[in-house]
PDB file of N, CA and C in Angstrom:
ATOM      1  N   MET A   1      25.121   6.782 -20.988  1.00  0.00           N
ATOM      2  CA  MET A   1      25.492   5.902 -22.062  1.00  0.00           C
ATOM      3  C   MET A   1      25.120   4.470 -21.707  1.00  0.00           C
ATOM      4  N   VAL A   2      24.516   3.770 -22.644  1.00  0.00           N
ATOM      5  CA  VAL A   2      24.094   2.396 -22.432  1.00  0.00           C
ATOM      6  C   VAL A   2      25.193   1.454 -22.909  1.00  0.00           C
ATOM      7  N   THR A   3      25.577   0.550 -22.034  1.00  0.00           N
ATOM      8  CA  THR A   3      26.579  -0.435 -22.426  1.00  0.00           C
ATOM      9  C   THR A   3      25.868  -1.675 -22.982  1.00  0.00           C
ATOM     10  N   PRO A   4      26.555  -2.459 -23.806  1.00  0.00           N
ATOM     11  CA  PRO A   4      25.887  -3.576 -24.496  1.00  0.00           C
ATOM     12  C   PRO A   4      25.339  -4.667 -23.576  1.00  0.00           C
ATOM     13  N   PHE A   5      26.065  -5.024 -22.521  1.00  0.00           N
ATOM     14  CA  PHE A   5      25.594  -6.134 -21.691  1.00  0.00           C
ATOM     15  C   PHE A   5      24.281  -5.816 -20.978  1.00  0.00           C
ATOM     16  N   PRO A   6      24.168  -4.697 -20.245  1.00  0.00           N
ATOM     17  CA  PRO A   6      22.882  -4.417 -19.601  1.00  0.00           C
ATOM     18  C   PRO A   6      21.747  -4.218 -20.606  1.00  0.00           C
ATOM     19  N   ALA A   7      22.049  -3.633 -21.745  1.00  0.00           N
ATOM     20  CA  ALA A   7      21.000  -3.437 -22.757  1.00  0.00           C
ATOM     21  C   ALA A   7      20.506  -4.774 -23.288  1.00  0.00           C
ATOM     22  N   SER A   8      21.421  -5.690 -23.582  1.00  0.00           N
ATOM     23  CA  SER A   8      21.003  -6.996 -24.093  1.00  0.00           C
ATOM     24  C   SER A   8      20.299  -7.814 -23.019  1.00  0.00           C
ATOM     25  N   LEU A   9      20.707  -7.668 -21.780  1.00  0.00           N
ATOM     26  CA  LEU A   9      20.024  -8.349 -20.683  1.00  0.00           C
ATOM     27  C   LEU A   9      18.600  -7.825 -20.525  1.00  0.00           C
ATOM     28  N   ASN A  10      18.418  -6.529 -20.669  1.00  0.00           N
ATOM     29  CA  ASN A  10      17.091  -5.919 -20.594  1.00  0.00           C
ATOM     30  C   ASN A  10      16.194  -6.452 -21.708  1.00  0.00           C
ATOM     31  N   VAL A  11      16.723  -6.544 -22.911  1.00  0.00           N
ATOM     32  CA  VAL A  11      15.950  -7.076 -24.040  1.00  0.00           C
ATOM     33  C   VAL A  11      15.618  -8.544 -23.799  1.00  0.00           C
ATOM     34  N   LEU A  12      16.560  -9.310 -23.281  1.00  0.00           N
ATOM     35  CA  LEU A  12      16.328 -10.727 -23.007  1.00  0.00           C
ATOM     36  C   LEU A  12      15.207 -10.918 -21.995  1.00  0.00           C
ATOM     37  N   VAL A  13      15.197 -10.133 -20.930  1.00  0.00           N
ATOM     38  CA  VAL A  13      14.146 -10.237 -19.915  1.00  0.00           C
ATOM     39  C   VAL A  13      12.788  -9.884 -20.522  1.00  0.00           C
ATOM     40  N   ALA A  14      12.727  -8.820 -21.286  1.00  0.00           N
ATOM     41  CA  ALA A  14      11.462  -8.404 -21.897  1.00  0.00           C
ATOM     42  C   ALA A  14      10.942  -9.462 -22.863  1.00  0.00           C
ATOM     43  N   VAL A  15      11.811  -9.982 -23.711  1.00  0.00           N
ATOM     44  CA  VAL A  15      11.395 -11.015 -24.677  1.00  0.00           C
ATOM     45  C   VAL A  15      10.964 -12.290 -23.956  1.00  0.00           C
ATOM     46  N   THR A  16      11.636 -12.631 -22.876  1.00  0.00           N
ATOM     47  CA  THR A  16      11.268 -13.822 -22.114  1.00  0.00           C
ATOM     48  C   THR A  16       9.870 -13.690 -21.535  1.00  0.00           C
ATOM     49  N   PHE A  17       9.543 -12.541 -20.963  1.00  0.00           N
ATOM     50  CA  PHE A  17       8.197 -12.334 -20.429  1.00  0.00           C
ATOM     51  C   PHE A  17       7.148 -12.411 -21.526  1.00  0.00           C
ATOM     52  N   VAL A  18       7.393 -11.758 -22.645  1.00  0.00           N
ATOM     53  CA  VAL A  18       6.410 -11.748 -23.731  1.00  0.00           C
ATOM     54  C   VAL A  18       6.230 -13.149 -24.308  1.00  0.00           C
ATOM     55  N   LEU A  19       7.330 -13.845 -24.578  1.00  0.00           N
ATOM     56  CA  LEU A  19       7.221 -15.195 -25.135  1.00  0.00           C
ATOM     57  C   LEU A  19       6.560 -16.166 -24.163  1.00  0.00           C
ATOM     58  N   THR A  20       6.864 -16.046 -22.886  1.00  0.00           N
ATOM     59  CA  THR A  20       6.212 -16.893 -21.891  1.00  0.00           C
ATOM     60  C   THR A  20       4.712 -16.653 -21.888  1.00  0.00           C
ATOM     61  N   GLY A  21       4.314 -15.394 -21.927  1.00  0.00           N
ATOM     62  CA  GLY A  21       2.895 -15.087 -21.974  1.00  0.00           C
ATOM     63  C   GLY A  21       2.228 -15.626 -23.219  1.00  0.00           C
ATOM     64  N   LEU A  22       2.892 -15.508 -24.357  1.00  0.00           N
ATOM     65  CA  LEU A  22       2.311 -16.015 -25.603  1.00  0.00           C
ATOM     66  C   LEU A  22       2.231 -17.536 -25.619  1.00  0.00           C
ATOM     67  N   LEU A  23       3.223 -18.199 -25.039  1.00  0.00           N
ATOM     68  CA  LEU A  23       3.194 -19.658 -24.979  1.00  0.00           C
ATOM     69  C   LEU A  23       2.127 -20.178 -24.022  1.00  0.00           C
ATOM     70  N   LEU A  24       1.805 -19.407 -22.997  1.00  0.00           N
ATOM     71  CA  LEU A  24       0.795 -19.831 -22.034  1.00  0.00           C
ATOM     72  C   LEU A  24      -0.631 -19.535 -22.485  1.00  0.00           C
ATOM     73  N   LEU A  25      -0.800 -18.878 -23.613  1.00  0.00           N
ATOM     74  CA  LEU A  25      -2.148 -18.549 -24.083  1.00  0.00           C
ATOM     75  C   LEU A  25      -3.004 -19.782 -24.333  1.00  0.00           C
ATOM     76  N   ASP A  26      -2.389 -20.895 -24.696  1.00  0.00           N
ATOM     77  CA  ASP A  26      -3.150 -22.119 -24.973  1.00  0.00           C
ATOM     78  C   ASP A  26      -3.633 -22.827 -23.714  1.00  0.00           C
ATOM     79  N   GLU A  27      -3.066 -22.489 -22.585  1.00  0.00           N
ATOM     80  CA  GLU A  27      -3.456 -23.118 -21.323  1.00  0.00           C
ATOM     81  C   GLU A  27      -4.686 -22.415 -20.759  1.00  0.00           C
ATOM     82  N   ASP A  28      -5.793 -23.129 -20.660  1.00  0.00           N
ATOM     83  CA  ASP A  28      -7.037 -22.518 -20.184  1.00  0.00           C
ATOM     84  C   ASP A  28      -6.951 -22.055 -18.733  1.00  0.00           C
ATOM     85  N   ALA A  29      -6.301 -22.828 -17.898  1.00  0.00           N
ATOM     86  CA  ALA A  29      -6.226 -22.486 -16.477  1.00  0.00           C
ATOM     87  C   ALA A  29      -5.297 -21.300 -16.216  1.00  0.00           C
ATOM     88  N   LEU A  30      -4.443 -20.955 -17.155  1.00  0.00           N
ATOM     89  CA  LEU A  30      -3.462 -19.886 -16.950  1.00  0.00           C
ATOM     90  C   LEU A  30      -3.748 -18.666 -17.819  1.00  0.00           C
ATOM     91  N   GLY A  31      -4.976 -18.447 -18.195  1.00  0.00           N
ATOM     92  CA  GLY A  31      -5.318 -17.346 -19.092  1.00  0.00           C
ATOM     93  C   GLY A  31      -4.948 -15.976 -18.549  1.00  0.00           C
ATOM     94  N   SER A  32      -5.257 -15.719 -17.291  1.00  0.00           N
ATOM     95  CA  SER A  32      -4.956 -14.395 -16.734  1.00  0.00           C
ATOM     96  C   SER A  32      -3.457 -14.174 -16.585  1.00  0.00           C
ATOM     97  N   VAL A  33      -2.721 -15.238 -16.288  1.00  0.00           N
ATOM     98  CA  VAL A  33      -1.277 -15.122 -16.157  1.00  0.00           C
ATOM     99  C   VAL A  33      -0.650 -14.784 -17.501  1.00  0.00           C
ATOM    100  N   SER A  34      -1.094 -15.473 -18.535  1.00  0.00           N
ATOM    101  CA  SER A  34      -0.502 -15.242 -19.853  1.00  0.00           C
ATOM    102  C   SER A  34      -0.805 -13.840 -20.356  1.00  0.00           C
ATOM    103  N   TRP A  35      -2.020 -13.369 -20.143  1.00  0.00           N
ATOM    104  CA  TRP A  35      -2.357 -12.016 -20.597  1.00  0.00           C
ATOM    105  C   TRP A  35      -1.667 -10.955 -19.762  1.00  0.00           C
ATOM    106  N   ALA A  36      -1.239 -11.264 -18.565  1.00  0.00           N
ATOM    107  CA  ALA A  36      -0.508 -10.293 -17.749  1.00  0.00           C
ATOM    108  C   ALA A  36       0.979 -10.265 -18.090  1.00  0.00           C
ATOM    109  N   PHE A  37       1.529 -11.397 -18.526  1.00  0.00           N
ATOM    110  CA  PHE A  37       2.950 -11.447 -18.858  1.00  0.00           C
ATOM    111  C   PHE A  37       3.283 -10.657 -20.115  1.00  0.00           C
ATOM    112  N   VAL A  38       2.378 -10.653 -21.089  1.00  0.00           N
ATOM    113  CA  VAL A  38       2.665  -9.957 -22.346  1.00  0.00           C
ATOM    114  C   VAL A  38       2.819  -8.454 -22.120  1.00  0.00           C
ATOM    115  N   PRO A  39       1.835  -7.759 -21.530  1.00  0.00           N
ATOM    116  CA  PRO A  39       2.058  -6.322 -21.290  1.00  0.00           C
ATOM    117  C   PRO A  39       3.149  -6.070 -20.255  1.00  0.00           C
ATOM    118  N   GLY A  40       3.335  -7.011 -19.322  1.00  0.00           N
ATOM    119  CA  GLY A  40       4.413  -6.863 -18.356  1.00  0.00           C
ATOM    120  C   GLY A  40       5.773  -6.847 -19.031  1.00  0.00           C
ATOM    121  N   GLY A  41       5.966  -7.720 -20.000  1.00  0.00           N
ATOM    122  CA  GLY A  41       7.218  -7.736 -20.752  1.00  0.00           C
ATOM    123  C   GLY A  41       7.408  -6.478 -21.571  1.00  0.00           C
ATOM    124  N   LEU A  42       6.331  -5.988 -22.143  1.00  0.00           N
ATOM    125  CA  LEU A  42       6.421  -4.740 -22.913  1.00  0.00           C
ATOM    126  C   LEU A  42       6.740  -3.558 -22.001  1.00  0.00           C
ATOM    127  N   MET A  43       6.143  -3.549 -20.811  1.00  0.00           N
ATOM    128  CA  MET A  43       6.442  -2.475 -19.857  1.00  0.00           C
ATOM    129  C   MET A  43       7.894  -2.555 -19.395  1.00  0.00           C
ATOM    130  N   TRP A  44       8.397  -3.764 -19.215  1.00  0.00           N
ATOM    131  CA  TRP A  44       9.797  -3.913 -18.807  1.00  0.00           C
ATOM    132  C   TRP A  44      10.726  -3.334 -19.866  1.00  0.00           C
ATOM    133  N   ALA A  45      10.387  -3.546 -21.130  1.00  0.00           N
ATOM    134  CA  ALA A  45      11.218  -3.015 -22.213  1.00  0.00           C
ATOM    135  C   ALA A  45      11.242  -1.493 -22.200  1.00  0.00           C
ATOM    136  N   VAL A  46      10.156  -0.873 -21.781  1.00  0.00           N
ATOM    137  CA  VAL A  46      10.081   0.592 -21.776  1.00  0.00           C
ATOM    138  C   VAL A  46      10.873   1.194 -20.613  1.00  0.00           C
ATOM    139  N   THR A  47      11.179   0.398 -19.596  1.00  0.00           N
ATOM    140  CA  THR A  47      11.911   0.943 -18.447  1.00  0.00           C
ATOM    141  C   THR A  47      13.306   1.418 -18.817  1.00  0.00           C
ATOM    142  N   TRP A  48      13.822   1.005 -19.955  1.00  0.00           N
ATOM    143  CA  TRP A  48      15.155   1.451 -20.372  1.00  0.00           C
ATOM    144  C   TRP A  48      15.185   2.939 -20.670  1.00  0.00           C
ATOM    145  N   THR A  49      14.040   3.579 -20.774  1.00  0.00           N
ATOM    146  CA  THR A  49      14.023   5.020 -21.024  1.00  0.00           C
ATOM    147  C   THR A  49      14.648   5.806 -19.871  1.00  0.00           C
ATOM    148  N   ALA A  50      14.884   5.155 -18.744  1.00  0.00           N
ATOM    149  CA  ALA A  50      15.546   5.831 -17.624  1.00  0.00           C
ATOM    150  C   ALA A  50      16.975   6.233 -17.991  1.00  0.00           C
ATOM    151  N   THR A  51      17.529   5.622 -19.021  1.00  0.00           N
ATOM    152  CA  THR A  51      18.890   5.959 -19.431  1.00  0.00           C
ATOM    153  C   THR A  51      18.952   7.181 -20.342  1.00  0.00           C
ATOM    154  N   TRP A  52      17.825   7.675 -20.783  1.00  0.00           N
ATOM    155  CA  TRP A  52      17.816   8.865 -21.633  1.00  0.00           C
ATOM    156  C   TRP A  52      18.253  10.075 -20.820  1.00  0.00           C
ATOM    157  N   GLU A  53      18.933  10.978 -21.442  1.00  0.00           N
ATOM    158  CA  GLU A  53      19.405  12.171 -20.748  1.00  0.00           C
ATOM    159  C   GLU A  53      18.468  13.360 -20.903  1.00  0.00           C
ATOM    160  N   HIS A  54      17.577  13.328 -21.878  1.00  0.00           N
ATOM    161  CA  HIS A  54      16.682  14.461 -22.136  1.00  0.00           C
ATOM    162  C   HIS A  54      15.248  13.968 -22.238  1.00  0.00           C
ATOM    163  N   GLY A  55      14.333  14.860 -21.985  1.00  0.00           N
ATOM    164  CA  GLY A  55      12.922  14.532 -22.144  1.00  0.00           C
ATOM    165  C   GLY A  55      12.309  13.948 -20.884  1.00  0.00           C
ATOM    166  N   PRO A  56      11.124  13.413 -21.037  1.00  0.00           N
ATOM    167  CA  PRO A  56      10.375  12.903 -19.881  1.00  0.00           C
ATOM    168  C   PRO A  56      10.770  11.479 -19.492  1.00  0.00           C
ATOM    169  N   SER A  57      12.052  11.177 -19.528  1.00  0.00           N
ATOM    170  CA  SER A  57      12.488   9.804 -19.304  1.00  0.00           C
ATOM    171  C   SER A  57      12.155   9.284 -17.908  1.00  0.00           C
ATOM    172  N   ALA A  58      12.285  10.097 -16.898  1.00  0.00           N
ATOM    173  CA  ALA A  58      12.006   9.634 -15.537  1.00  0.00           C
ATOM    174  C   ALA A  58      10.532   9.284 -15.368  1.00  0.00           C
ATOM    175  N   ALA A  59       9.659  10.092 -15.915  1.00  0.00           N
ATOM    176  CA  ALA A  59       8.217   9.823 -15.799  1.00  0.00           C
ATOM    177  C   ALA A  59       7.830   8.574 -16.584  1.00  0.00           C
ATOM    178  N   VAL A  60       8.348   8.447 -17.781  1.00  0.00           N
ATOM    179  CA  VAL A  60       8.022   7.284 -18.619  1.00  0.00           C
ATOM    180  C   VAL A  60       8.548   6.008 -17.978  1.00  0.00           C
ATOM    181  N   SER A  61       9.771   6.037 -17.502  1.00  0.00           N
ATOM    182  CA  SER A  61      10.365   4.862 -16.880  1.00  0.00           C
ATOM    183  C   SER A  61       9.639   4.486 -15.585  1.00  0.00           C
ATOM    184  N   SER A  62       9.299   5.458 -14.776  1.00  0.00           N
ATOM    185  CA  SER A  62       8.566   5.178 -13.534  1.00  0.00           C
ATOM    186  C   SER A  62       7.198   4.589 -13.824  1.00  0.00           C
ATOM    187  N   PHE A  63       6.510   5.144 -14.825  1.00  0.00           N
ATOM    188  CA  PHE A  63       5.205   4.616 -15.223  1.00  0.00           C
ATOM    189  C   PHE A  63       5.334   3.164 -15.671  1.00  0.00           C
ATOM    190  N   ALA A  64       6.304   2.885 -16.528  1.00  0.00           N
ATOM    191  CA  ALA A  64       6.478   1.531 -17.057  1.00  0.00           C
ATOM    192  C   ALA A  64       6.883   0.554 -15.956  1.00  0.00           C
ATOM    193  N   TYR A  65       7.790   0.962 -15.090  1.00  0.00           N
ATOM    194  CA  TYR A  65       8.247   0.079 -14.023  1.00  0.00           C
ATOM    195  C   TYR A  65       7.113  -0.241 -13.055  1.00  0.00           C
ATOM    196  N   THR A  66       6.323   0.753 -12.709  1.00  0.00           N
ATOM    197  CA  THR A  66       5.182   0.532 -11.820  1.00  0.00           C
ATOM    198  C   THR A  66       4.162  -0.392 -12.459  1.00  0.00           C
ATOM    199  N   HIS A  67       3.853  -0.168 -13.718  1.00  0.00           N
ATOM    200  CA  HIS A  67       2.862  -0.994 -14.383  1.00  0.00           C
ATOM    201  C   HIS A  67       3.375  -2.404 -14.677  1.00  0.00           C
ATOM    202  N   PHE A  68       4.675  -2.576 -14.765  1.00  0.00           N
ATOM    203  CA  PHE A  68       5.239  -3.924 -14.871  1.00  0.00           C
ATOM    204  C   PHE A  68       4.853  -4.732 -13.628  1.00  0.00           C
ATOM    205  N   TRP A  69       5.027  -4.141 -12.453  1.00  0.00           N
ATOM    206  CA  TRP A  69       4.686  -4.849 -11.219  1.00  0.00           C
ATOM    207  C   TRP A  69       3.189  -5.007 -11.051  1.00  0.00           C
ATOM    208  N   VAL A  70       2.407  -4.066 -11.546  1.00  0.00           N
ATOM    209  CA  VAL A  70       0.948  -4.208 -11.509  1.00  0.00           C
ATOM    210  C   VAL A  70       0.519  -5.392 -12.368  1.00  0.00           C
ATOM    211  N   CYS A  71       1.109  -5.522 -13.539  1.00  0.00           N
ATOM    212  CA  CYS A  71       0.787  -6.656 -14.416  1.00  0.00           C
ATOM    213  C   CYS A  71       1.141  -7.986 -13.754  1.00  0.00           C
ATOM    214  N   LEU A  72       2.311  -8.079 -13.152  1.00  0.00           N
ATOM    215  CA  LEU A  72       2.691  -9.312 -12.499  1.00  0.00           C
ATOM    216  C   LEU A  72       1.866  -9.588 -11.251  1.00  0.00           C
ATOM    217  N   GLY A  73       1.522  -8.542 -10.523  1.00  0.00           N
ATOM    218  CA  GLY A  73       0.659  -8.703  -9.366  1.00  0.00           C
ATOM    219  C   GLY A  73      -0.729  -9.155  -9.765  1.00  0.00           C
ATOM    220  N   GLY A  74      -1.218  -8.644 -10.869  1.00  0.00           N
ATOM    221  CA  GLY A  74      -2.528  -9.077 -11.365  1.00  0.00           C
ATOM    222  C   GLY A  74      -2.515 -10.512 -11.831  1.00  0.00           C
ATOM    223  N   ALA A  75      -1.387 -10.980 -12.293  1.00  0.00           N
ATOM    224  CA  ALA A  75      -1.289 -12.367 -12.732  1.00  0.00           C
ATOM    225  C   ALA A  75      -1.344 -13.329 -11.560  1.00  0.00           C
ATOM    226  N   CYS A  76      -0.872 -12.887 -10.415  1.00  0.00           N
ATOM    227  CA  CYS A  76      -0.854 -13.772  -9.247  1.00  0.00           C
ATOM    228  C   CYS A  76      -2.222 -13.906  -8.590  1.00  0.00           C
ATOM    229  N   CYS A  77      -3.081 -12.958  -8.791  1.00  0.00           N
ATOM    230  CA  CYS A  77      -4.399 -12.987  -8.125  1.00  0.00           C
ATOM    231  C   CYS A  77      -5.412 -13.776  -8.896  1.00  0.00           C
TER     232      CYS A  77
END
């Protein structure tokens, strides 16, 4: 069962990453960072599937969580 506080915190983190990436799109020097933050935020939002009790939730959540870090790692390089 998902409680309201962790769920809203998860949404806040995901929206923050996506909005940060979209706001940085105008900065020429930060192009790769901004394009990495947008999918990273979307991947973070998908990690909540770990709370599902049925279906492929573990695989989906692991995939999303791993790719979240890949996106952020790609932004740093």
